[in-house]
Amino acid sequence: MTCRTLLGKKYSRTGADRSSDAAWIPIEKWNNLTPEQRTKFLPLCPDFLIELMSLSDSLSDTIKKMKEYLENGMRLGWLINPKNQQVEIYRAGKEVEILDSPETLSGEDVLPGFILDMTIIW
């Protein structure tokens, strides 16, 4: 599933090996893709992504996945753990920030104006 915005493109999970639950890339990156690339799993790392842990997910494996995203160009990522009501925020070049039961999360300078109401998840 894709959704157009003026800033970029949003993607939902595709089932690929390194696919997040939700991801976003700037429109400039989207425009540089070929029409064929746009119909498949994208050959690039998103600037922003969300991982929503399920009960069957391993925390250590998901943390490893988030670090892999950072190493490949992710600028902002949220690892949301509904069971513990905790969010790990991954930012390029910074230490991981852990929040307990935040009411909202912000897209910061990566996705300005985007706010996720966490009360719908908790």
PDB file of N, CA and C in Angstrom:
ATOM      1  N   MET A   1       0.844  -1.179   0.000  1.00  0.00           N
ATOM      2  CA  MET A   1       0.000   0.000   0.000  1.00  0.00           C
ATOM      3  C   MET A   1       0.885   1.236   0.000  1.00  0.00           C
ATOM      4  N   THR A   2       0.610   2.177  -0.875  1.00  0.00           N
ATOM      5  CA  THR A   2       1.335   3.441  -0.869  1.00  0.00           C
ATOM      6  C   THR A   2       0.334   4.576  -0.762  1.00  0.00           C
ATOM      7  N   CYS A   3       0.816   5.704  -0.274  1.00  0.00           N
ATOM      8  CA  CYS A   3      -0.038   6.877  -0.105  1.00  0.00           C
ATOM      9  C   CYS A   3       0.786   8.102  -0.465  1.00  0.00           C
ATOM     10  N   ARG A   4       0.305   8.918  -1.360  1.00  0.00           N
ATOM     11  CA  ARG A   4       1.035  10.119  -1.767  1.00  0.00           C
ATOM     12  C   ARG A   4       0.818  11.253  -0.763  1.00  0.00           C
ATOM     13  N   THR A   5       1.908  11.993  -0.535  1.00  0.00           N
ATOM     14  CA  THR A   5       1.835  13.248   0.199  1.00  0.00           C
ATOM     15  C   THR A   5       2.724  14.225  -0.554  1.00  0.00           C
ATOM     16  N   LEU A   6       2.710  15.487  -0.178  1.00  0.00           N
ATOM     17  CA  LEU A   6       3.586  16.458  -0.825  1.00  0.00           C
ATOM     18  C   LEU A   6       5.036  16.265  -0.400  1.00  0.00           C
ATOM     19  N   LEU A   7       5.260  15.663   0.768  1.00  0.00           N
ATOM     20  CA  LEU A   7       6.613  15.488   1.279  1.00  0.00           C
ATOM     21  C   LEU A   7       7.273  14.205   0.812  1.00  0.00           C
ATOM     22  N   GLY A   8       6.495  13.160   0.581  1.00  0.00           N
ATOM     23  CA  GLY A   8       7.110  11.891   0.230  1.00  0.00           C
ATOM     24  C   GLY A   8       6.097  10.782   0.078  1.00  0.00           C
ATOM     25  N   LYS A   9       6.560   9.550   0.284  1.00  0.00           N
ATOM     26  CA  LYS A   9       5.725   8.369   0.138  1.00  0.00           C
ATOM     27  C   LYS A   9       5.747   7.571   1.425  1.00  0.00           C
ATOM     28  N   LYS A  10       4.617   6.939   1.723  1.00  0.00           N
ATOM     29  CA  LYS A  10       4.491   6.094   2.895  1.00  0.00           C
ATOM     30  C   LYS A  10       4.255   4.673   2.419  1.00  0.00           C
ATOM     31  N   TYR A  11       4.829   3.721   3.121  1.00  0.00           N
ATOM     32  CA  TYR A  11       4.675   2.319   2.757  1.00  0.00           C
ATOM     33  C   TYR A  11       4.201   1.511   3.940  1.00  0.00           C
ATOM     34  N   SER A  12       3.461   0.458   3.665  1.00  0.00           N
ATOM     35  CA  SER A  12       3.064  -0.504   4.682  1.00  0.00           C
ATOM     36  C   SER A  12       3.797  -1.812   4.430  1.00  0.00           C
ATOM     37  N   ARG A  13       3.784  -2.656   5.407  1.00  0.00           N
ATOM     38  CA  ARG A  13       4.513  -3.928   5.381  1.00  0.00           C
ATOM     39  C   ARG A  13       4.238  -4.719   4.096  1.00  0.00           C
ATOM     40  N   THR A  14       5.313  -5.242   3.497  1.00  0.00           N
ATOM     41  CA  THR A  14       5.184  -6.026   2.272  1.00  0.00           C
ATOM     42  C   THR A  14       5.497  -7.491   2.486  1.00  0.00           C
ATOM     43  N   GLY A  15       6.014  -7.838   3.651  1.00  0.00           N
ATOM     44  CA  GLY A  15       6.391  -9.215   3.909  1.00  0.00           C
ATOM     45  C   GLY A  15       7.826  -9.528   3.525  1.00  0.00           C
ATOM     46  N   ALA A  16       8.580  -8.553   3.028  1.00  0.00           N
ATOM     47  CA  ALA A  16       9.978  -8.782   2.665  1.00  0.00           C
ATOM     48  C   ALA A  16      10.826  -8.951   3.918  1.00  0.00           C
ATOM     49  N   ASP A  17      12.020  -9.483   3.746  1.00  0.00           N
ATOM     50  CA  ASP A  17      12.895  -9.800   4.869  1.00  0.00           C
ATOM     51  C   ASP A  17      13.184  -8.608   5.767  1.00  0.00           C
ATOM     52  N   ARG A  18      13.441  -7.464   5.206  1.00  0.00           N
ATOM     53  CA  ARG A  18      13.742  -6.282   6.013  1.00  0.00           C
ATOM     54  C   ARG A  18      12.701  -5.198   5.776  1.00  0.00           C
ATOM     55  N   SER A  19      11.491  -5.555   5.965  1.00  0.00           N
ATOM     56  CA  SER A  19      10.392  -4.624   5.791  1.00  0.00           C
ATOM     57  C   SER A  19       9.880  -4.208   7.163  1.00  0.00           C
ATOM     58  N   SER A  20       9.641  -2.924   7.325  1.00  0.00           N
ATOM     59  CA  SER A  20       9.097  -2.420   8.589  1.00  0.00           C
ATOM     60  C   SER A  20       7.570  -2.420   8.509  1.00  0.00           C
ATOM     61  N   ASP A  21       6.926  -2.099   9.629  1.00  0.00           N
ATOM     62  CA  ASP A  21       5.463  -2.034   9.635  1.00  0.00           C
ATOM     63  C   ASP A  21       4.958  -0.802   8.896  1.00  0.00           C
ATOM     64  N   ALA A  22       5.718   0.281   8.964  1.00  0.00           N
ATOM     65  CA  ALA A  22       5.400   1.496   8.208  1.00  0.00           C
ATOM     66  C   ALA A  22       6.716   2.208   7.925  1.00  0.00           C
ATOM     67  N   ALA A  23       6.811   2.845   6.759  1.00  0.00           N
ATOM     68  CA  ALA A  23       8.041   3.539   6.394  1.00  0.00           C
ATOM     69  C   ALA A  23       7.725   4.715   5.481  1.00  0.00           C
ATOM     70  N   TRP A  24       8.655   5.674   5.442  1.00  0.00           N
ATOM     71  CA  TRP A  24       8.476   6.879   4.629  1.00  0.00           C
ATOM     72  C   TRP A  24       9.813   7.256   4.005  1.00  0.00           C
ATOM     73  N   ILE A  25       9.751   7.694   2.738  1.00  0.00           N
ATOM     74  CA  ILE A  25      10.931   8.249   2.066  1.00  0.00           C
ATOM     75  C   ILE A  25      10.562   9.611   1.484  1.00  0.00           C
ATOM     76  N   PRO A  26      11.539  10.527   1.387  1.00  0.00           N
ATOM     77  CA  PRO A  26      11.261  11.826   0.770  1.00  0.00           C
ATOM     78  C   PRO A  26      10.881  11.662  -0.703  1.00  0.00           C
ATOM     79  N   ILE A  27      10.082  12.577  -1.188  1.00  0.00           N
ATOM     80  CA  ILE A  27       9.602  12.521  -2.566  1.00  0.00           C
ATOM     81  C   ILE A  27      10.765  12.530  -3.564  1.00  0.00           C
ATOM     82  N   GLU A  28      11.878  13.191  -3.212  1.00  0.00           N
ATOM     83  CA  GLU A  28      13.038  13.226  -4.111  1.00  0.00           C
ATOM     84  C   GLU A  28      13.577  11.814  -4.356  1.00  0.00           C
ATOM     85  N   LYS A  29      13.645  11.010  -3.295  1.00  0.00           N
ATOM     86  CA  LYS A  29      14.115   9.626  -3.455  1.00  0.00           C
ATOM     87  C   LYS A  29      13.132   8.829  -4.303  1.00  0.00           C
ATOM     88  N   TRP A  30      11.846   9.051  -4.068  1.00  0.00           N
ATOM     89  CA  TRP A  30      10.816   8.352  -4.849  1.00  0.00           C
ATOM     90  C   TRP A  30      10.951   8.698  -6.332  1.00  0.00           C
ATOM     91  N   ASN A  31      11.126   9.982  -6.624  1.00  0.00           N
ATOM     92  CA  ASN A  31      11.219  10.430  -8.018  1.00  0.00           C
ATOM     93  C   ASN A  31      12.452   9.885  -8.732  1.00  0.00           C
ATOM     94  N   ASN A  32      13.492   9.521  -7.984  1.00  0.00           N
ATOM     95  CA  ASN A  32      14.708   8.969  -8.581  1.00  0.00           C
ATOM     96  C   ASN A  32      14.604   7.474  -8.880  1.00  0.00           C
ATOM     97  N   LEU A  33      13.536   6.835  -8.442  1.00  0.00           N
ATOM     98  CA  LEU A  33      13.334   5.411  -8.711  1.00  0.00           C
ATOM     99  C   LEU A  33      12.730   5.217 -10.098  1.00  0.00           C
ATOM    100  N   THR A  34      13.063   4.117 -10.723  1.00  0.00           N
ATOM    101  CA  THR A  34      12.456   3.790 -12.017  1.00  0.00           C
ATOM    102  C   THR A  34      11.018   3.322 -11.782  1.00  0.00           C
ATOM    103  N   PRO A  35      10.172   3.390 -12.809  1.00  0.00           N
ATOM    104  CA  PRO A  35       8.806   2.875 -12.651  1.00  0.00           C
ATOM    105  C   PRO A  35       8.786   1.414 -12.186  1.00  0.00           C
ATOM    106  N   GLU A  36       9.719   0.616 -12.677  1.00  0.00           N
ATOM    107  CA  GLU A  36       9.780  -0.789 -12.258  1.00  0.00           C
ATOM    108  C   GLU A  36      10.142  -0.909 -10.777  1.00  0.00           C
ATOM    109  N   GLN A  37      11.110  -0.107 -10.311  1.00  0.00           N
ATOM    110  CA  GLN A  37      11.506  -0.146  -8.900  1.00  0.00           C
ATOM    111  C   GLN A  37      10.354   0.247  -7.984  1.00  0.00           C
ATOM    112  N   ARG A  38       9.500   1.136  -8.456  1.00  0.00           N
ATOM    113  CA  ARG A  38       8.379   1.611  -7.640  1.00  0.00           C
ATOM    114  C   ARG A  38       7.326   0.537  -7.396  1.00  0.00           C
ATOM    115  N   THR A  39       7.330  -0.518  -8.202  1.00  0.00           N
ATOM    116  CA  THR A  39       6.316  -1.570  -8.059  1.00  0.00           C
ATOM    117  C   THR A  39       6.810  -2.750  -7.232  1.00  0.00           C
ATOM    118  N   LYS A  40       8.071  -2.710  -6.805  1.00  0.00           N
ATOM    119  CA  LYS A  40       8.668  -3.807  -6.047  1.00  0.00           C
ATOM    120  C   LYS A  40       9.141  -3.306  -4.691  1.00  0.00           C
ATOM    121  N   PHE A  41       9.730  -4.229  -3.928  1.00  0.00           N
ATOM    122  CA  PHE A  41      10.356  -3.834  -2.672  1.00  0.00           C
ATOM    123  C   PHE A  41      11.461  -2.840  -2.997  1.00  0.00           C
ATOM    124  N   LEU A  42      11.447  -1.677  -2.370  1.00  0.00           N
ATOM    125  CA  LEU A  42      12.354  -0.591  -2.742  1.00  0.00           C
ATOM    126  C   LEU A  42      13.813  -0.929  -2.453  1.00  0.00           C
ATOM    127  N   PRO A  43      14.717  -0.555  -3.367  1.00  0.00           N
ATOM    128  CA  PRO A  43      16.140  -0.845  -3.201  1.00  0.00           C
ATOM    129  C   PRO A  43      16.862   0.219  -2.371  1.00  0.00           C
ATOM    130  N   LEU A  44      16.207   0.708  -1.333  1.00  0.00           N
ATOM    131  CA  LEU A  44      16.805   1.733  -0.485  1.00  0.00           C
ATOM    132  C   LEU A  44      16.226   1.635   0.921  1.00  0.00           C
ATOM    133  N   CYS A  45      16.917   2.276   1.843  1.00  0.00           N
ATOM    134  CA  CYS A  45      16.454   2.294   3.229  1.00  0.00           C
ATOM    135  C   CYS A  45      15.586   3.536   3.440  1.00  0.00           C
ATOM    136  N   PRO A  46      14.438   3.402   4.098  1.00  0.00           N
ATOM    137  CA  PRO A  46      13.595   4.569   4.349  1.00  0.00           C
ATOM    138  C   PRO A  46      14.253   5.546   5.321  1.00  0.00           C
ATOM    139  N   ASP A  47      13.889   6.811   5.215  1.00  0.00           N
ATOM    140  CA  ASP A  47      14.382   7.826   6.145  1.00  0.00           C
ATOM    141  C   ASP A  47      13.714   7.691   7.509  1.00  0.00           C
ATOM    142  N   PHE A  48      12.462   7.248   7.505  1.00  0.00           N
ATOM    143  CA  PHE A  48      11.677   7.115   8.739  1.00  0.00           C
ATOM    144  C   PHE A  48      10.937   5.790   8.695  1.00  0.00           C
ATOM    145  N   LEU A  49      10.905   5.104   9.834  1.00  0.00           N
ATOM    146  CA  LEU A  49      10.135   3.865   9.874  1.00  0.00           C
ATOM    147  C   LEU A  49       9.624   3.565  11.269  1.00  0.00           C
ATOM    148  N   ILE A  50       8.624   2.693  11.299  1.00  0.00           N
ATOM    149  CA  ILE A  50       8.005   2.248  12.548  1.00  0.00           C
ATOM    150  C   ILE A  50       8.010   0.726  12.576  1.00  0.00           C
ATOM    151  N   GLU A  51       8.482   0.173  13.680  1.00  0.00           N
ATOM    152  CA  GLU A  51       8.378  -1.261  13.954  1.00  0.00           C
ATOM    153  C   GLU A  51       7.439  -1.410  15.147  1.00  0.00           C
ATOM    154  N   LEU A  52       6.356  -2.136  14.953  1.00  0.00           N
ATOM    155  CA  LEU A  52       5.388  -2.401  16.016  1.00  0.00           C
ATOM    156  C   LEU A  52       5.545  -3.862  16.409  1.00  0.00           C
ATOM    157  N   MET A  53       6.073  -4.094  17.608  1.00  0.00           N
ATOM    158  CA  MET A  53       6.346  -5.464  18.039  1.00  0.00           C
ATOM    159  C   MET A  53       5.060  -6.231  18.302  1.00  0.00           C
ATOM    160  N   SER A  54       5.039  -7.468  17.836  1.00  0.00           N
ATOM    161  CA  SER A  54       3.939  -8.374  18.168  1.00  0.00           C
ATOM    162  C   SER A  54       4.426  -9.300  19.276  1.00  0.00           C
ATOM    163  N   LEU A  55       3.520 -10.078  19.842  1.00  0.00           N
ATOM    164  CA  LEU A  55       3.889 -10.982  20.927  1.00  0.00           C
ATOM    165  C   LEU A  55       4.916 -12.019  20.484  1.00  0.00           C
ATOM    166  N   SER A  56       4.937 -12.350  19.210  1.00  0.00           N
ATOM    167  CA  SER A  56       5.863 -13.376  18.717  1.00  0.00           C
ATOM    168  C   SER A  56       7.234 -12.816  18.327  1.00  0.00           C
ATOM    169  N   ASP A  57       7.388 -11.491  18.301  1.00  0.00           N
ATOM    170  CA  ASP A  57       8.670 -10.886  17.924  1.00  0.00           C
ATOM    171  C   ASP A  57       9.692 -11.003  19.049  1.00  0.00           C
ATOM    172  N   SER A  58      10.924 -11.230  18.674  1.00  0.00           N
ATOM    173  CA  SER A  58      12.035 -11.245  19.623  1.00  0.00           C
ATOM    174  C   SER A  58      12.571  -9.820  19.752  1.00  0.00           C
ATOM    175  N   LEU A  59      12.688  -9.319  20.985  1.00  0.00           N
ATOM    176  CA  LEU A  59      13.189  -7.963  21.187  1.00  0.00           C
ATOM    177  C   LEU A  59      14.618  -7.842  20.662  1.00  0.00           C
ATOM    178  N   SER A  60      15.467  -8.812  20.955  1.00  0.00           N
ATOM    179  CA  SER A  60      16.862  -8.722  20.505  1.00  0.00           C
ATOM    180  C   SER A  60      16.964  -8.724  18.977  1.00  0.00           C
ATOM    181  N   ASP A  61      16.147  -9.530  18.309  1.00  0.00           N
ATOM    182  CA  ASP A  61      16.153  -9.545  16.842  1.00  0.00           C
ATOM    183  C   ASP A  61      15.645  -8.229  16.270  1.00  0.00           C
ATOM    184  N   THR A  62      14.635  -7.651  16.911  1.00  0.00           N
ATOM    185  CA  THR A  62      14.066  -6.393  16.417  1.00  0.00           C
ATOM    186  C   THR A  62      15.032  -5.240  16.644  1.00  0.00           C
ATOM    187  N   ILE A  63      15.740  -5.244  17.766  1.00  0.00           N
ATOM    188  CA  ILE A  63      16.764  -4.224  18.015  1.00  0.00           C
ATOM    189  C   ILE A  63      17.872  -4.342  16.966  1.00  0.00           C
ATOM    190  N   LYS A  64      18.274  -5.550  16.654  1.00  0.00           N
ATOM    191  CA  LYS A  64      19.297  -5.777  15.626  1.00  0.00           C
ATOM    192  C   LYS A  64      18.821  -5.213  14.282  1.00  0.00           C
ATOM    193  N   LYS A  65      17.552  -5.434  13.984  1.00  0.00           N
ATOM    194  CA  LYS A  65      16.957  -4.931  12.746  1.00  0.00           C
ATOM    195  C   LYS A  65      16.989  -3.398  12.717  1.00  0.00           C
ATOM    196  N   MET A  66      16.662  -2.753  13.848  1.00  0.00           N
ATOM    197  CA  MET A  66      16.676  -1.287  13.914  1.00  0.00           C
ATOM    198  C   MET A  66      18.097  -0.755  13.700  1.00  0.00           C
ATOM    199  N   LYS A  67      19.085  -1.415  14.297  1.00  0.00           N
ATOM    200  CA  LYS A  67      20.478  -0.988  14.117  1.00  0.00           C
ATOM    201  C   LYS A  67      20.912  -1.150  12.662  1.00  0.00           C
ATOM    202  N   GLU A  68      20.432  -2.198  12.030  1.00  0.00           N
ATOM    203  CA  GLU A  68      20.735  -2.410  10.614  1.00  0.00           C
ATOM    204  C   GLU A  68      20.145  -1.281   9.766  1.00  0.00           C
ATOM    205  N   TYR A  69      18.919  -0.872  10.086  1.00  0.00           N
ATOM    206  CA  TYR A  69      18.314   0.260   9.378  1.00  0.00           C
ATOM    207  C   TYR A  69      19.175   1.513   9.547  1.00  0.00           C
ATOM    208  N   LEU A  70      19.630   1.791  10.783  1.00  0.00           N
ATOM    209  CA  LEU A  70      20.478   2.962  11.027  1.00  0.00           C
ATOM    210  C   LEU A  70      21.746   2.903  10.180  1.00  0.00           C
ATOM    211  N   GLU A  71      22.371   1.742  10.130  1.00  0.00           N
ATOM    212  CA  GLU A  71      23.609   1.570   9.363  1.00  0.00           C
ATOM    213  C   GLU A  71      23.390   1.796   7.867  1.00  0.00           C
ATOM    214  N   ASN A  72      22.153   1.672   7.427  1.00  0.00           N
ATOM    215  CA  ASN A  72      21.854   1.803   6.001  1.00  0.00           C
ATOM    216  C   ASN A  72      21.164   3.110   5.624  1.00  0.00           C
ATOM    217  N   GLY A  73      21.119   4.070   6.559  1.00  0.00           N
ATOM    218  CA  GLY A  73      20.629   5.394   6.203  1.00  0.00           C
ATOM    219  C   GLY A  73      19.340   5.865   6.844  1.00  0.00           C
ATOM    220  N   MET A  74      18.721   5.057   7.706  1.00  0.00           N
ATOM    221  CA  MET A  74      17.520   5.531   8.396  1.00  0.00           C
ATOM    222  C   MET A  74      17.889   6.744   9.252  1.00  0.00           C
ATOM    223  N   ARG A  75      17.051   7.760   9.238  1.00  0.00           N
ATOM    224  CA  ARG A  75      17.299   8.954  10.050  1.00  0.00           C
ATOM    225  C   ARG A  75      16.519   8.938  11.353  1.00  0.00           C
ATOM    226  N   LEU A  76      15.319   8.325  11.349  1.00  0.00           N
ATOM    227  CA  LEU A  76      14.478   8.261  12.543  1.00  0.00           C
ATOM    228  C   LEU A  76      13.677   6.972  12.505  1.00  0.00           C
ATOM    229  N   GLY A  77      13.673   6.262  13.626  1.00  0.00           N
ATOM    230  CA  GLY A  77      12.897   5.030  13.707  1.00  0.00           C
ATOM    231  C   GLY A  77      12.308   4.837  15.091  1.00  0.00           C
ATOM    232  N   TRP A  78      11.100   4.298  15.122  1.00  0.00           N
ATOM    233  CA  TRP A  78      10.426   4.007  16.390  1.00  0.00           C
ATOM    234  C   TRP A  78      10.219   2.508  16.512  1.00  0.00           C
ATOM    235  N   LEU A  79      10.700   1.949  17.599  1.00  0.00           N
ATOM    236  CA  LEU A  79      10.421   0.557  17.933  1.00  0.00           C
ATOM    237  C   LEU A  79       9.379   0.595  19.042  1.00  0.00           C
ATOM    238  N   ILE A  80       8.151   0.249  18.703  1.00  0.00           N
ATOM    239  CA  ILE A  80       7.029   0.348  19.644  1.00  0.00           C
ATOM    240  C   ILE A  80       6.744  -1.035  20.216  1.00  0.00           C
ATOM    241  N   ASN A  81       6.766  -1.122  21.550  1.00  0.00           N
ATOM    242  CA  ASN A  81       6.508  -2.374  22.252  1.00  0.00           C
ATOM    243  C   ASN A  81       5.215  -2.214  23.056  1.00  0.00           C
ATOM    244  N   PRO A  82       4.068  -2.582  22.478  1.00  0.00           N
ATOM    245  CA  PRO A  82       2.787  -2.398  23.170  1.00  0.00           C
ATOM    246  C   PRO A  82       2.693  -3.159  24.491  1.00  0.00           C
ATOM    247  N   LYS A  83       3.295  -4.337  24.550  1.00  0.00           N
ATOM    248  CA  LYS A  83       3.221  -5.149  25.769  1.00  0.00           C
ATOM    249  C   LYS A  83       3.807  -4.405  26.968  1.00  0.00           C
ATOM    250  N   ASN A  84       4.958  -3.754  26.768  1.00  0.00           N
ATOM    251  CA  ASN A  84       5.622  -3.006  27.846  1.00  0.00           C
ATOM    252  C   ASN A  84       5.273  -1.524  27.847  1.00  0.00           C
ATOM    253  N   GLN A  85       4.452  -1.100  26.912  1.00  0.00           N
ATOM    254  CA  GLN A  85       4.118   0.319  26.722  1.00  0.00           C
ATOM    255  C   GLN A  85       5.392   1.167  26.691  1.00  0.00           C
ATOM    256  N   GLN A  86       6.303   0.746  25.834  1.00  0.00           N
ATOM    257  CA  GLN A  86       7.597   1.401  25.739  1.00  0.00           C
ATOM    258  C   GLN A  86       7.945   1.652  24.274  1.00  0.00           C
ATOM    259  N   VAL A  87       8.653   2.753  24.036  1.00  0.00           N
ATOM    260  CA  VAL A  87       9.105   3.092  22.685  1.00  0.00           C
ATOM    261  C   VAL A  87      10.603   3.362  22.731  1.00  0.00           C
ATOM    262  N   GLU A  88      11.321   2.742  21.812  1.00  0.00           N
ATOM    263  CA  GLU A  88      12.735   3.042  21.627  1.00  0.00           C
ATOM    264  C   GLU A  88      12.835   3.906  20.382  1.00  0.00           C
ATOM    265  N   ILE A  89      13.448   5.082  20.536  1.00  0.00           N
ATOM    266  CA  ILE A  89      13.595   6.003  19.412  1.00  0.00           C
ATOM    267  C   ILE A  89      15.041   5.954  18.925  1.00  0.00           C
ATOM    268  N   TYR A  90      15.184   5.619  17.654  1.00  0.00           N
ATOM    269  CA  TYR A  90      16.492   5.523  17.018  1.00  0.00           C
ATOM    270  C   TYR A  90      16.668   6.728  16.109  1.00  0.00           C
ATOM    271  N   ARG A  91      17.783   7.452  16.308  1.00  0.00           N
ATOM    272  CA  ARG A  91      18.107   8.615  15.488  1.00  0.00           C
ATOM    273  C   ARG A  91      19.531   8.461  14.968  1.00  0.00           C
ATOM    274  N   ALA A  92      19.745   8.852  13.742  1.00  0.00           N
ATOM    275  CA  ALA A  92      21.081   8.767  13.147  1.00  0.00           C
ATOM    276  C   ALA A  92      22.075   9.569  13.982  1.00  0.00           C
ATOM    277  N   GLY A  93      23.187   8.933  14.346  1.00  0.00           N
ATOM    278  CA  GLY A  93      24.254   9.615  15.066  1.00  0.00           C
ATOM    279  C   GLY A  93      23.997   9.873  16.534  1.00  0.00           C
ATOM    280  N   LYS A  94      22.926   9.298  17.100  1.00  0.00           N
ATOM    281  CA  LYS A  94      22.594   9.549  18.511  1.00  0.00           C
ATOM    282  C   LYS A  94      22.323   8.236  19.237  1.00  0.00           C
ATOM    283  N   GLU A  95      22.374   8.316  20.564  1.00  0.00           N
ATOM    284  CA  GLU A  95      22.042   7.162  21.397  1.00  0.00           C
ATOM    285  C   GLU A  95      20.541   6.896  21.322  1.00  0.00           C
ATOM    286  N   VAL A  96      20.168   5.651  21.522  1.00  0.00           N
ATOM    287  CA  VAL A  96      18.752   5.273  21.539  1.00  0.00           C
ATOM    288  C   VAL A  96      18.086   5.907  22.757  1.00  0.00           C
ATOM    289  N   GLU A  97      16.914   6.481  22.543  1.00  0.00           N
ATOM    290  CA  GLU A  97      16.127   7.065  23.636  1.00  0.00           C
ATOM    291  C   GLU A  97      14.958   6.127  23.931  1.00  0.00           C
ATOM    292  N   ILE A  98      14.751   5.814  25.207  1.00  0.00           N
ATOM    293  CA  ILE A  98      13.661   4.924  25.606  1.00  0.00           C
ATOM    294  C   ILE A  98      12.618   5.732  26.367  1.00  0.00           C
ATOM    295  N   LEU A  99      11.365   5.650  25.898  1.00  0.00           N
ATOM    296  CA  LEU A  99      10.253   6.361  26.531  1.00  0.00           C
ATOM    297  C   LEU A  99       9.261   5.346  27.090  1.00  0.00           C
ATOM    298  N   ASP A 100       8.784   5.608  28.296  1.00  0.00           N
ATOM    299  CA  ASP A 100       7.751   4.775  28.906  1.00  0.00           C
ATOM    300  C   ASP A 100       6.396   5.433  28.731  1.00  0.00           C
ATOM    301  N   SER A 101       5.486   4.741  28.084  1.00  0.00           N
ATOM    302  CA  SER A 101       4.094   5.161  27.885  1.00  0.00           C
ATOM    303  C   SER A 101       3.935   6.590  27.365  1.00  0.00           C
ATOM    304  N   PRO A 102       4.645   6.976  26.307  1.00  0.00           N
ATOM    305  CA  PRO A 102       4.443   8.337  25.793  1.00  0.00           C
ATOM    306  C   PRO A 102       3.031   8.484  25.224  1.00  0.00           C
ATOM    307  N   GLU A 103       2.470   9.679  25.363  1.00  0.00           N
ATOM    308  CA  GLU A 103       1.131   9.936  24.818  1.00  0.00           C
ATOM    309  C   GLU A 103       1.180  10.186  23.318  1.00  0.00           C
ATOM    310  N   THR A 104       2.281  10.793  22.855  1.00  0.00           N
ATOM    311  CA  THR A 104       2.450  11.075  21.426  1.00  0.00           C
ATOM    312  C   THR A 104       3.909  10.870  21.035  1.00  0.00           C
ATOM    313  N   LEU A 105       4.119  10.691  19.738  1.00  0.00           N
ATOM    314  CA  LEU A 105       5.463  10.657  19.162  1.00  0.00           C
ATOM    315  C   LEU A 105       5.480  11.629  17.991  1.00  0.00           C
ATOM    316  N   SER A 106       6.617  12.278  17.789  1.00  0.00           N
ATOM    317  CA  SER A 106       6.746  13.286  16.740  1.00  0.00           C
ATOM    318  C   SER A 106       7.698  12.820  15.641  1.00  0.00           C
ATOM    319  N   GLY A 107       7.372  13.169  14.407  1.00  0.00           N
ATOM    320  CA  GLY A 107       8.250  12.893  13.276  1.00  0.00           C
ATOM    321  C   GLY A 107       9.475  13.786  13.235  1.00  0.00           C
ATOM    322  N   GLU A 108       9.550  14.711  14.187  1.00  0.00           N
ATOM    323  CA  GLU A 108      10.695  15.606  14.354  1.00  0.00           C
ATOM    324  C   GLU A 108      11.041  16.309  13.040  1.00  0.00           C
ATOM    325  N   ASP A 109      12.323  16.501  12.771  1.00  0.00           N
ATOM    326  CA  ASP A 109      12.718  17.208  11.546  1.00  0.00           C
ATOM    327  C   ASP A 109      12.724  16.293  10.319  1.00  0.00           C
ATOM    328  N   VAL A 110      12.568  14.991  10.529  1.00  0.00           N
ATOM    329  CA  VAL A 110      12.537  14.046   9.415  1.00  0.00           C
ATOM    330  C   VAL A 110      11.183  14.078   8.715  1.00  0.00           C
ATOM    331  N   LEU A 111      10.126  14.115   9.490  1.00  0.00           N
ATOM    332  CA  LEU A 111       8.757  14.156   8.964  1.00  0.00           C
ATOM    333  C   LEU A 111       7.991  15.231   9.746  1.00  0.00           C
ATOM    334  N   PRO A 112       8.284  16.513   9.461  1.00  0.00           N
ATOM    335  CA  PRO A 112       7.704  17.615  10.226  1.00  0.00           C
ATOM    336  C   PRO A 112       6.177  17.598  10.208  1.00  0.00           C
ATOM    337  N   GLY A 113       5.597  17.827  11.370  1.00  0.00           N
ATOM    338  CA  GLY A 113       4.144  17.892  11.491  1.00  0.00           C
ATOM    339  C   GLY A 113       3.475  16.558  11.744  1.00  0.00           C
ATOM    340  N   PHE A 114       4.216  15.453  11.601  1.00  0.00           N
ATOM    341  CA  PHE A 114       3.622  14.138  11.847  1.00  0.00           C
ATOM    342  C   PHE A 114       3.649  13.835  13.338  1.00  0.00           C
ATOM    343  N   ILE A 115       2.480  13.582  13.901  1.00  0.00           N
ATOM    344  CA  ILE A 115       2.334  13.218  15.313  1.00  0.00           C
ATOM    345  C   ILE A 115       1.520  11.932  15.375  1.00  0.00           C
ATOM    346  N   LEU A 116       2.038  10.949  16.109  1.00  0.00           N
ATOM    347  CA  LEU A 116       1.306   9.705  16.311  1.00  0.00           C
ATOM    348  C   LEU A 116       0.722   9.703  17.714  1.00  0.00           C
ATOM    349  N   ASP A 117      -0.600   9.565  17.802  1.00  0.00           N
ATOM    350  CA  ASP A 117      -1.300   9.483  19.084  1.00  0.00           C
ATOM    351  C   ASP A 117      -1.128   8.069  19.620  1.00  0.00           C
ATOM    352  N   MET A 118      -0.290   7.913  20.622  1.00  0.00           N
ATOM    353  CA  MET A 118       0.019   6.589  21.161  1.00  0.00           C
ATOM    354  C   MET A 118      -1.110   6.016  22.015  1.00  0.00           C
ATOM    355  N   THR A 119      -2.069   6.843  22.405  1.00  0.00           N
ATOM    356  CA  THR A 119      -3.169   6.323  23.235  1.00  0.00           C
ATOM    357  C   THR A 119      -4.004   5.303  22.471  1.00  0.00           C
ATOM    358  N   ILE A 120      -3.972   5.339  21.143  1.00  0.00           N
ATOM    359  CA  ILE A 120      -4.713   4.337  20.374  1.00  0.00           C
ATOM    360  C   ILE A 120      -3.991   2.988  20.367  1.00  0.00           C
ATOM    361  N   ILE A 121      -2.704   3.003  20.707  1.00  0.00           N
ATOM    362  CA  ILE A 121      -1.926   1.763  20.756  1.00  0.00           C
ATOM    363  C   ILE A 121      -1.922   1.175  22.158  1.00  0.00           C
ATOM    364  N   TRP A 122      -1.818   2.021  23.169  1.00  0.00           N
ATOM    365  CA  TRP A 122      -1.795   1.517  24.538  1.00  0.00           C
ATOM    366  C   TRP A 122      -3.193   1.098  24.925  1.00  0.00           C
TER     367      TRP A 122
END
